[in-house]
């Protein structure tokens, strides 16, 4: 066989075998080489990134700056204040109003309201200093001009001190934890000196209108459904608190000027349309409250020094135009009032002689003549005598002889003293 003719056939056969082997290996019909098992490698230890250069953040603005400590409504022009009154830092130079609220957002809660009246207290540092009410640390360097820029509101109503502060200057004696009237939690840490800065003593506290001795148990009369109800503001107050605010009155309570026997209905005479009108402060008071404050006088009114029958018009003799002036305490009293207090009369001796022809009583009734007048008649005049002493109905008989040369009656008429044997 010719070798040149066989060589192409051998090359074709070898090529066919190679192609068949590749196809069979791709279909998994022929075993492939063993896959090596991967070896576990240690995990790499993370490293901190290198710090940025010191100058990397110097030119970048902060993402969020300090919050605006005041309301921003109506204050969009930030530079109106933050150029002169409250200068901006050097890093903020050439920044405009547009950039302010990009970094500085307004805080959700407004600054605390001022807890006292502002009028007359414009110098904030007078009290808000290291001595009395120190400012917080973040207010360091602030001046009085900036105070009202953030603290724009004032507390609506600050309770007034319900008692005098001259004799009760140590507030914590009563207003402290565990005492009579503890302070609220918001007042913790406050001192006596701070109290009257906010709480003024302008409240007029009513004084006790009766004597205290014997009336120490206030709740006996003052309380719910009692003789004198307490106002709503006194709810939950105890008897220990009463005399802290309410002091005994400097004015003595008038005593009852008449006997109270059979006169329990005080309003029968004391009311707006009756004999004696009550003062305005006694409005709505009932009969049950009268004797709680007013006690009968220790000395009853004097009895009438004359009989009443035929002498009911008291002002005829007693008053500015009468013979006997009334005392100052009886000003504006009327005749119906007289016998309400002066209920009885004394037994006045009658004159044993006619009085019409003897107008000058002191001519005979004196120490030098018949008999001196009693001490109760001092400063009484002749005109007063016949007002009380009436002439006796039975008059002495007439003298049965002439008086010429017989003026010395004792020459004949010797008084005899009856004696018992």
Protein backbone atom coordinates (compact mmCIF):
# COMPACT_ATOMS: atom_id res chain seq x y z
CA UNK A 1 0.00 0.00 0.00
CA UNK A 2 1.20 3.44 -0.74
CA UNK A 3 2.24 5.21 2.53
CA UNK A 4 1.15 8.62 1.26
CA UNK A 5 -2.40 7.29 0.86
CA UNK A 6 -2.56 5.86 4.43
CA UNK A 7 -1.32 8.96 6.34
CA UNK A 8 -4.42 11.12 5.79
CA UNK A 9 -6.66 8.36 6.98
CA UNK A 10 -4.66 7.98 10.20
CA UNK A 11 -4.90 11.72 10.95
CA UNK A 12 -8.65 11.72 10.32
CA UNK A 13 -9.10 8.80 12.75
CA UNK A 14 -7.10 10.51 15.48
CA UNK A 15 -9.13 13.70 15.13
CA UNK A 16 -12.39 11.77 15.39
CA UNK A 17 -11.24 10.07 18.61
CA UNK A 18 -10.29 13.41 20.23
CA UNK A 19 -13.66 14.97 19.38
CA UNK A 20 -15.52 11.95 20.80
CA UNK A 21 -13.54 12.09 24.05
CA UNK A 22 -14.36 15.78 24.58
CA UNK A 23 -18.08 15.24 24.02
CA UNK A 24 -18.26 12.26 26.37
CA UNK A 25 -16.35 14.10 29.12
CA UNK A 26 -18.76 17.07 29.02
CA UNK A 27 -21.77 14.78 29.49
CA UNK A 28 -20.23 13.13 32.59
CA UNK A 29 -19.85 9.78 30.92
CA UNK A 30 -16.13 9.76 31.50
CA UNK A 31 -14.49 10.17 34.93
CA UNK A 32 -12.78 13.52 35.40
CA UNK A 33 -9.87 14.46 37.54
CA UNK A 34 -10.38 14.56 41.41
CA UNK A 35 -11.44 17.98 42.79
CA UNK A 36 -9.11 19.11 45.60
CA UNK A 37 -10.72 19.90 49.03
CA UNK A 38 -10.39 23.66 49.87
CA UNK A 39 -8.34 24.43 52.96
CA UNK A 40 -9.97 26.79 55.66
CA UNK A 41 -8.12 30.05 55.89
CA UNK A 42 -8.11 32.32 59.00
CA UNK A 43 -10.53 35.31 58.89
CA UNK A 44 -8.82 38.61 58.42
CA UNK A 45 -8.85 40.96 61.47
CA UNK A 46 -10.59 44.26 60.59
CA UNK A 47 -8.43 47.28 61.08
CA UNK A 48 -9.53 50.79 62.01
CA UNK A 49 -9.50 53.16 59.11
CA UNK A 50 -6.83 55.77 59.41
CA UNK A 51 -8.04 58.99 61.05
CA UNK A 52 -8.79 61.80 58.66
CA UNK A 53 -6.34 64.62 58.48
CA UNK A 54 -6.74 67.29 61.13
CA UNK A 55 -7.78 69.80 58.52
CA UNK A 56 -10.41 67.51 56.94
CA UNK A 57 -13.40 68.76 59.10
CA UNK A 58 -12.26 72.29 59.71
CA UNK A 59 -13.97 73.55 56.61
CA UNK A 60 -17.13 71.43 56.96
CA UNK A 61 -20.18 72.83 58.87
CA UNK A 62 -21.69 70.81 61.70
CA UNK A 63 -24.61 68.67 60.66
CA UNK A 64 -26.85 70.01 63.52
CA UNK A 65 -25.90 73.00 65.65
CA UNK A 66 -27.29 74.00 69.07
CA UNK A 67 -31.06 74.35 69.14
CA UNK A 68 -32.59 77.80 68.99
CA UNK A 69 -33.56 78.50 72.66
CA UNK A 70 -36.45 80.83 71.82
CA UNK A 71 -39.56 80.87 69.61
CA UNK A 72 -38.70 81.54 65.97
CA UNK A 73 -42.10 82.73 64.82
CA UNK A 74 -41.75 86.37 63.86
CA UNK A 75 -37.98 86.18 64.35
CA UNK A 76 -36.84 84.96 60.97
CA UNK A 77 -34.27 87.76 60.74
CA UNK A 78 -31.66 86.07 62.94
CA UNK A 79 -28.96 88.61 62.19
CA UNK A 80 -31.06 91.40 63.65
CA UNK A 81 -29.88 90.24 67.08
CA UNK A 82 -26.99 87.91 66.36
CA UNK A 83 -24.65 90.55 65.06
CA UNK A 84 -24.70 93.09 67.88
CA UNK A 85 -26.54 91.84 70.95
CA UNK A 86 -25.48 88.21 70.66
CA UNK A 87 -22.55 88.03 68.20
CA UNK A 88 -22.05 84.94 66.10
CA UNK A 89 -18.75 83.01 66.38
CA UNK A 90 -15.92 83.70 63.96
CA UNK A 91 -16.67 80.50 62.05
CA UNK A 92 -20.08 81.90 61.13
CA UNK A 93 -18.83 85.06 59.46
CA UNK A 94 -20.50 85.91 56.15
CA UNK A 95 -23.34 83.43 56.77
CA UNK A 96 -26.86 84.64 55.96
CA UNK A 97 -30.29 84.13 57.50
CA UNK A 98 -30.96 81.34 55.01
CA UNK A 99 -28.31 79.11 56.53
CA UNK A 100 -29.23 79.62 60.23
CA UNK A 101 -32.22 77.28 60.54
CA UNK A 102 -30.59 74.74 58.23
CA UNK A 103 -28.33 73.75 61.14
CA UNK A 104 -30.06 75.32 64.15
CA UNK A 105 -33.57 73.95 64.60
CA UNK A 106 -36.08 75.35 67.08
CA UNK A 107 -36.57 73.31 70.24
CA UNK A 108 -39.99 71.79 70.73
CA UNK A 109 -40.58 73.23 74.22
CA UNK A 110 -40.37 76.94 74.89
CA UNK A 111 -38.12 78.23 77.69
CA UNK A 112 -39.71 78.35 81.17
CA UNK A 113 -42.10 81.20 81.80
CA UNK A 114 -41.03 83.92 84.21
CA UNK A 115 -42.42 82.98 87.62
CA UNK A 116 -42.96 86.51 88.88
CA UNK A 117 -44.27 89.83 87.65
CA UNK A 118 -41.87 91.70 85.42
CA UNK A 119 -42.91 95.26 86.12
CA UNK A 120 -40.28 96.89 88.30
CA UNK A 121 -37.98 93.88 88.00
CA UNK A 122 -36.13 94.57 84.79
CA UNK A 123 -32.69 94.08 86.34
CA UNK A 124 -32.63 90.27 86.15
CA UNK A 125 -29.11 89.92 87.54
CA UNK A 126 -30.23 91.53 90.81
CA UNK A 127 -31.72 88.19 91.82
CA UNK A 128 -30.38 85.75 89.25
CA UNK A 129 -26.81 85.69 90.37
CA UNK A 130 -24.59 83.44 92.42
CA UNK A 131 -26.03 84.77 95.66
CA UNK A 132 -29.79 84.25 95.32
CA UNK A 133 -30.97 82.33 92.27
CA UNK A 134 -27.94 81.25 90.21
CA UNK A 135 -28.28 80.88 86.47
CA UNK A 136 -27.63 77.47 84.90
CA UNK A 137 -24.18 76.78 83.48
CA UNK A 138 -25.31 77.14 79.87
CA UNK A 139 -26.39 80.73 80.60
CA UNK A 140 -22.87 81.83 81.43
CA UNK A 141 -21.95 85.06 79.70
CA UNK A 142 -25.52 86.09 78.96
CA UNK A 143 -26.61 89.60 79.78
CA UNK A 144 -29.92 91.12 80.87
CA UNK A 145 -30.65 92.13 77.28
CA UNK A 146 -30.99 88.51 76.25
CA UNK A 147 -33.31 87.30 79.07
CA UNK A 148 -36.65 88.41 77.63
CA UNK A 149 -35.66 87.24 74.16
CA UNK A 150 -36.04 83.61 75.21
CA UNK A 151 -38.27 83.90 78.30
CA UNK A 152 -41.14 85.69 76.63
CA UNK A 153 -44.07 84.59 78.79
CA UNK A 154 -44.99 85.19 82.42
CA UNK A 155 -46.85 82.77 84.67
CA UNK A 156 -50.54 83.66 84.54
CA UNK A 157 -51.28 83.69 88.25
CA UNK A 158 -48.83 83.48 91.12
CA UNK A 159 -50.49 82.83 94.50
CA UNK A 160 -50.13 85.70 96.93
CA UNK A 161 -48.84 85.07 100.43
CA UNK A 162 -51.93 84.48 102.55
CA UNK A 163 -50.48 85.99 105.70
CA UNK A 164 -48.22 88.80 106.83
CA UNK A 165 -44.52 88.35 106.19
CA UNK A 166 -43.21 90.73 108.83
CA UNK A 167 -43.59 88.25 111.66
CA UNK A 168 -43.38 85.16 109.46
CA UNK A 169 -40.23 85.65 107.42
CA UNK A 170 -38.95 82.08 107.82
CA UNK A 171 -41.11 80.43 105.18
CA UNK A 172 -39.55 77.00 105.53
CA UNK A 173 -40.75 76.81 109.13
CA UNK A 174 -44.18 75.93 107.76
CA UNK A 175 -43.58 75.32 104.05
CA UNK A 176 -41.13 72.45 104.07
CA UNK A 177 -41.26 68.73 103.58
CA UNK A 178 -43.19 67.16 106.45
CA UNK A 179 -44.41 70.52 107.81
CA UNK A 180 -47.87 72.06 107.90
CA UNK A 181 -48.00 73.11 104.25
CA UNK A 182 -45.27 71.42 102.18
CA UNK A 183 -43.92 73.05 99.03
CA UNK A 184 -44.68 71.53 95.61
CA UNK A 185 -42.02 69.44 93.92
CA UNK A 186 -41.18 72.31 91.55
CA UNK A 187 -39.99 74.37 94.53
CA UNK A 188 -37.39 71.92 95.79
CA UNK A 189 -34.12 73.59 96.64
CA UNK A 190 -35.59 77.06 96.98
CA UNK A 191 -34.71 79.15 100.01
CA UNK A 192 -36.57 81.62 102.20
CA UNK A 193 -35.03 84.53 100.34
CA UNK A 194 -36.60 83.42 97.08
CA UNK A 195 -40.18 83.19 98.34
CA UNK A 196 -41.20 86.85 98.39
CA UNK A 197 -39.46 87.50 95.07
CA UNK A 198 -42.28 85.67 93.30
CA UNK A 199 -45.01 85.53 95.95
CA UNK A 200 -46.06 88.98 97.08
CA UNK A 201 -47.90 89.73 100.30
CA UNK A 202 -50.69 91.87 98.92
CA UNK A 203 -53.59 89.73 100.06
CA UNK A 204 -55.78 91.18 102.81
CA UNK A 205 -56.37 88.29 105.20
CA UNK A 206 -59.50 88.66 107.34
CA UNK A 207 -58.77 88.84 111.03
CA UNK A 208 -60.50 86.64 113.58
CA UNK A 209 -63.66 88.50 114.52
CA UNK A 210 -63.96 86.99 117.98
CA UNK A 211 -61.75 86.26 120.94
CA UNK A 212 -59.63 83.15 120.57
CA UNK A 213 -59.65 81.99 124.19
CA UNK A 214 -62.25 79.28 124.43
CA UNK A 215 -62.65 79.14 120.65
CA UNK A 216 -59.47 77.27 119.66
CA UNK A 217 -61.36 74.47 117.89
CA UNK A 218 -62.05 76.37 114.68
CA UNK A 219 -63.71 73.43 112.94
CA UNK A 220 -66.48 73.49 115.52
CA UNK A 221 -68.02 76.50 113.80
CA UNK A 222 -66.11 76.84 110.52
CA UNK A 223 -66.56 74.05 107.98
CA UNK A 224 -68.87 72.24 105.61
CA UNK A 225 -72.47 72.53 106.78
CA UNK A 226 -71.27 74.35 109.89
CA UNK A 227 -72.23 77.73 111.27
CA UNK A 228 -69.77 79.51 108.98
CA UNK A 229 -68.70 77.59 105.88
CA UNK A 230 -65.12 77.86 104.68
CA UNK A 231 -64.38 79.07 101.14
CA UNK A 232 -63.41 76.55 98.47
CA UNK A 233 -59.78 77.70 98.65
CA UNK A 234 -59.57 76.39 102.23
CA UNK A 235 -60.32 72.78 101.33
CA UNK A 236 -58.15 70.24 103.19
CA UNK A 237 -56.80 72.88 105.57
CA UNK A 238 -56.45 71.91 109.20
CA UNK A 239 -56.93 73.78 112.45
CA UNK A 240 -53.18 74.10 112.84
CA UNK A 241 -53.14 76.39 109.82
CA UNK A 242 -55.90 78.80 110.90
CA UNK A 243 -53.96 81.13 113.17
CA UNK A 244 -50.91 81.08 110.92
CA UNK A 245 -52.77 83.29 108.46
CA UNK A 246 -55.65 84.68 110.51
CA UNK A 247 -54.65 86.73 113.54
CA UNK A 248 -57.00 88.02 116.26
CA UNK A 249 -58.58 91.34 115.40
CA UNK A 250 -57.17 94.51 116.92
CA UNK A 251 -60.71 95.81 117.24
CA UNK A 252 -62.64 94.56 120.23
CA UNK A 253 -65.86 92.79 119.34
CA UNK A 254 -68.79 94.83 120.68
CA UNK A 255 -70.48 93.21 123.63
CA UNK A 256 -74.22 92.71 123.62
CA UNK A 257 -75.62 95.77 125.34
CA UNK A 258 -78.73 94.07 126.67
CA UNK A 259 -79.72 90.86 128.35
CA UNK A 260 -80.14 87.86 126.08
CA UNK A 261 -82.90 86.24 128.10
CA UNK A 262 -85.84 85.74 125.77
CA UNK A 263 -83.97 87.47 122.93
CA UNK A 264 -82.45 84.62 120.96
CA UNK A 265 -83.81 85.85 117.62
CA UNK A 266 -81.26 88.58 117.05
CA UNK A 267 -82.55 89.35 113.55
CA UNK A 268 -85.85 90.35 115.10
CA UNK A 269 -84.21 93.69 115.88
CA UNK A 270 -80.90 93.58 114.03
CA UNK A 271 -81.52 93.55 110.29
CA UNK A 272 -81.69 95.91 107.37
CA UNK A 273 -85.29 96.93 107.93
CA UNK A 274 -85.50 96.59 111.69
CA UNK A 275 -84.40 98.75 114.62
CA UNK A 276 -80.64 98.30 114.21
CA UNK A 277 -79.26 97.44 110.79
CA UNK A 278 -76.35 95.01 110.59
CA UNK A 279 -73.11 96.16 108.93
CA UNK A 280 -72.36 94.99 105.39
CA UNK A 281 -69.77 92.52 106.71
CA UNK A 282 -72.57 90.66 108.52
CA UNK A 283 -74.65 89.99 105.41
CA UNK A 284 -76.14 86.47 105.25
CA UNK A 285 -75.31 85.79 108.89
CA UNK A 286 -78.00 84.05 110.88
CA UNK A 287 -79.06 84.13 114.51
CA UNK A 288 -76.86 81.14 115.27
CA UNK A 289 -73.66 83.04 114.54
CA UNK A 290 -74.27 86.07 116.77
CA UNK A 291 -73.35 84.59 120.14
CA UNK A 292 -70.28 82.91 118.62
CA UNK A 293 -68.58 86.32 118.46
CA UNK A 294 -70.66 88.68 120.59
CA UNK A 295 -70.94 87.97 124.30
CA UNK A 296 -73.23 89.71 126.78
CA UNK A 297 -71.63 92.71 128.43
CA UNK A 298 -70.09 92.08 131.84
CA UNK A 299 -71.97 95.08 133.21
CA UNK A 300 -75.63 95.38 132.19
CA UNK A 301 -76.93 98.74 130.98
CA UNK A 302 -77.93 101.14 133.75
CA UNK A 303 -81.54 101.07 134.80
CA UNK A 304 -83.72 104.08 134.06
CA UNK A 305 -83.40 106.62 136.85
CA UNK A 306 -87.04 107.55 136.56
CA UNK A 307 -90.34 105.88 135.89
CA UNK A 308 -91.09 105.24 132.24
CA UNK A 309 -94.79 105.97 132.21
CA UNK A 310 -95.39 109.38 130.72
CA UNK A 311 -91.73 109.72 129.72
CA UNK A 312 -91.47 107.55 126.62
CA UNK A 313 -90.01 110.37 124.51
CA UNK A 314 -86.43 109.86 125.66
CA UNK A 315 -84.95 112.44 123.30
CA UNK A 316 -86.90 115.17 125.04
CA UNK A 317 -84.36 115.05 127.84
CA UNK A 318 -81.56 112.84 126.50
CA UNK A 319 -79.77 114.17 123.46
CA UNK A 320 -78.09 117.18 121.87
CA UNK A 321 -81.11 119.37 122.56
CA UNK A 322 -82.02 117.84 125.90
CA UNK A 323 -80.83 118.31 129.43
CA UNK A 324 -78.61 115.22 129.52
CA UNK A 325 -76.26 114.52 126.64
CA UNK A 326 -75.96 110.94 125.40
CA UNK A 327 -72.54 109.24 125.41
CA UNK A 328 -70.64 109.01 122.14
CA UNK A 329 -71.43 105.30 121.86
CA UNK A 330 -75.11 106.18 121.57
CA UNK A 331 -74.76 108.34 118.45
CA UNK A 332 -77.52 107.77 115.87
CA UNK A 333 -79.57 105.70 118.26
CA UNK A 334 -83.30 106.20 118.20
CA UNK A 335 -85.96 106.20 120.91
CA UNK A 336 -87.18 102.65 120.16
CA UNK A 337 -83.69 101.43 121.00
CA UNK A 338 -83.61 102.90 124.49
CA UNK A 339 -85.91 100.50 126.29
CA UNK A 340 -84.40 97.52 124.43
CA UNK A 341 -81.28 97.87 126.54
CA UNK A 342 -82.50 99.93 129.48
CA UNK A 343 -85.27 97.59 130.51
CA UNK A 344 -85.78 98.41 134.18
CA UNK A 345 -86.08 101.54 136.29
CA UNK A 346 -85.10 102.30 139.85
CA UNK A 347 -87.53 103.31 142.57
CA UNK A 348 -86.99 107.07 142.57
CA UNK A 349 -87.94 108.89 145.79
CA UNK A 350 -90.68 111.43 145.37
CA UNK A 351 -90.24 115.00 146.43
CA UNK A 352 -92.13 115.42 149.72
CA UNK A 353 -93.05 118.97 148.81
CA UNK A 354 -94.25 120.95 145.91
CA UNK A 355 -91.65 121.67 143.26
CA UNK A 356 -93.36 124.33 141.22
CA UNK A 357 -92.59 127.00 143.78
CA UNK A 358 -89.13 125.63 144.58
CA UNK A 359 -87.17 125.57 141.31
CA UNK A 360 -83.76 125.90 142.95
CA UNK A 361 -83.31 122.44 144.46
CA UNK A 362 -79.67 122.98 145.36
CA UNK A 363 -80.73 125.87 147.57
CA UNK A 364 -81.72 123.31 150.16
CA UNK A 365 -80.21 120.03 148.99
CA UNK A 366 -76.54 120.64 149.64
CA UNK A 367 -73.97 119.73 152.23
CA UNK A 368 -74.37 123.06 154.02
CA UNK A 369 -78.09 122.82 154.45
CA UNK A 370 -80.35 119.82 154.63
CA UNK A 371 -78.31 117.00 153.20
CA UNK A 372 -75.68 116.54 150.56
CA UNK A 373 -76.70 114.89 147.28
CA UNK A 374 -75.50 111.30 146.74
CA UNK A 375 -72.33 110.74 144.75
CA UNK A 376 -74.36 109.48 141.77
CA UNK A 377 -75.90 112.97 141.50
CA UNK A 378 -72.62 114.79 141.04
CA UNK A 379 -72.73 117.37 138.25
CA UNK A 380 -76.51 117.24 138.13
CA UNK A 381 -78.30 120.53 137.82
CA UNK A 382 -81.57 121.90 139.18
CA UNK A 383 -83.20 121.32 135.81
CA UNK A 384 -82.53 117.61 136.08
CA UNK A 385 -84.17 117.12 139.46
CA UNK A 386 -87.81 117.30 138.41
CA UNK A 387 -87.11 115.03 135.44
CA UNK A 388 -86.74 112.08 137.79
CA UNK A 389 -88.30 113.18 141.09
CA UNK A 390 -91.99 113.86 140.95
CA UNK A 391 -93.86 115.63 143.69
CA UNK A 392 -95.53 113.30 146.16
CA UNK A 393 -99.28 113.12 145.96
CA UNK A 394 -99.65 113.52 149.72
CA UNK A 395 -98.16 116.88 150.64
CA UNK A 396 -97.39 118.12 154.17
CA UNK A 397 -100.14 120.09 155.89
CA UNK A 398 -100.09 123.89 156.03
CA UNK A 399 -98.42 125.63 158.93
CA UNK A 400 -101.19 126.58 161.36
CA UNK A 401 -99.56 129.78 162.48
CA UNK A 402 -97.79 132.74 161.11
CA UNK A 403 -94.08 132.61 160.44
CA UNK A 404 -93.31 136.13 161.50
CA UNK A 405 -90.69 135.85 164.24
CA UNK A 406 -90.91 132.10 164.13
CA UNK A 407 -88.41 131.12 161.50
CA UNK A 408 -86.54 128.93 163.97
CA UNK A 409 -88.93 125.97 163.95
CA UNK A 410 -86.71 124.05 166.39
CA UNK A 411 -87.64 126.40 169.19
CA UNK A 412 -90.95 124.65 169.43
CA UNK A 413 -90.73 121.54 167.32
CA UNK A 414 -88.19 119.22 168.87
CA UNK A 415 -87.70 116.01 166.88
CA UNK A 416 -88.40 112.97 168.91
CA UNK A 417 -86.80 109.60 168.30
CA UNK A 418 -89.10 106.72 168.92
CA UNK A 419 -87.54 104.10 171.10
CA UNK A 420 -88.66 100.62 171.80
CA UNK A 421 -88.90 99.40 175.35
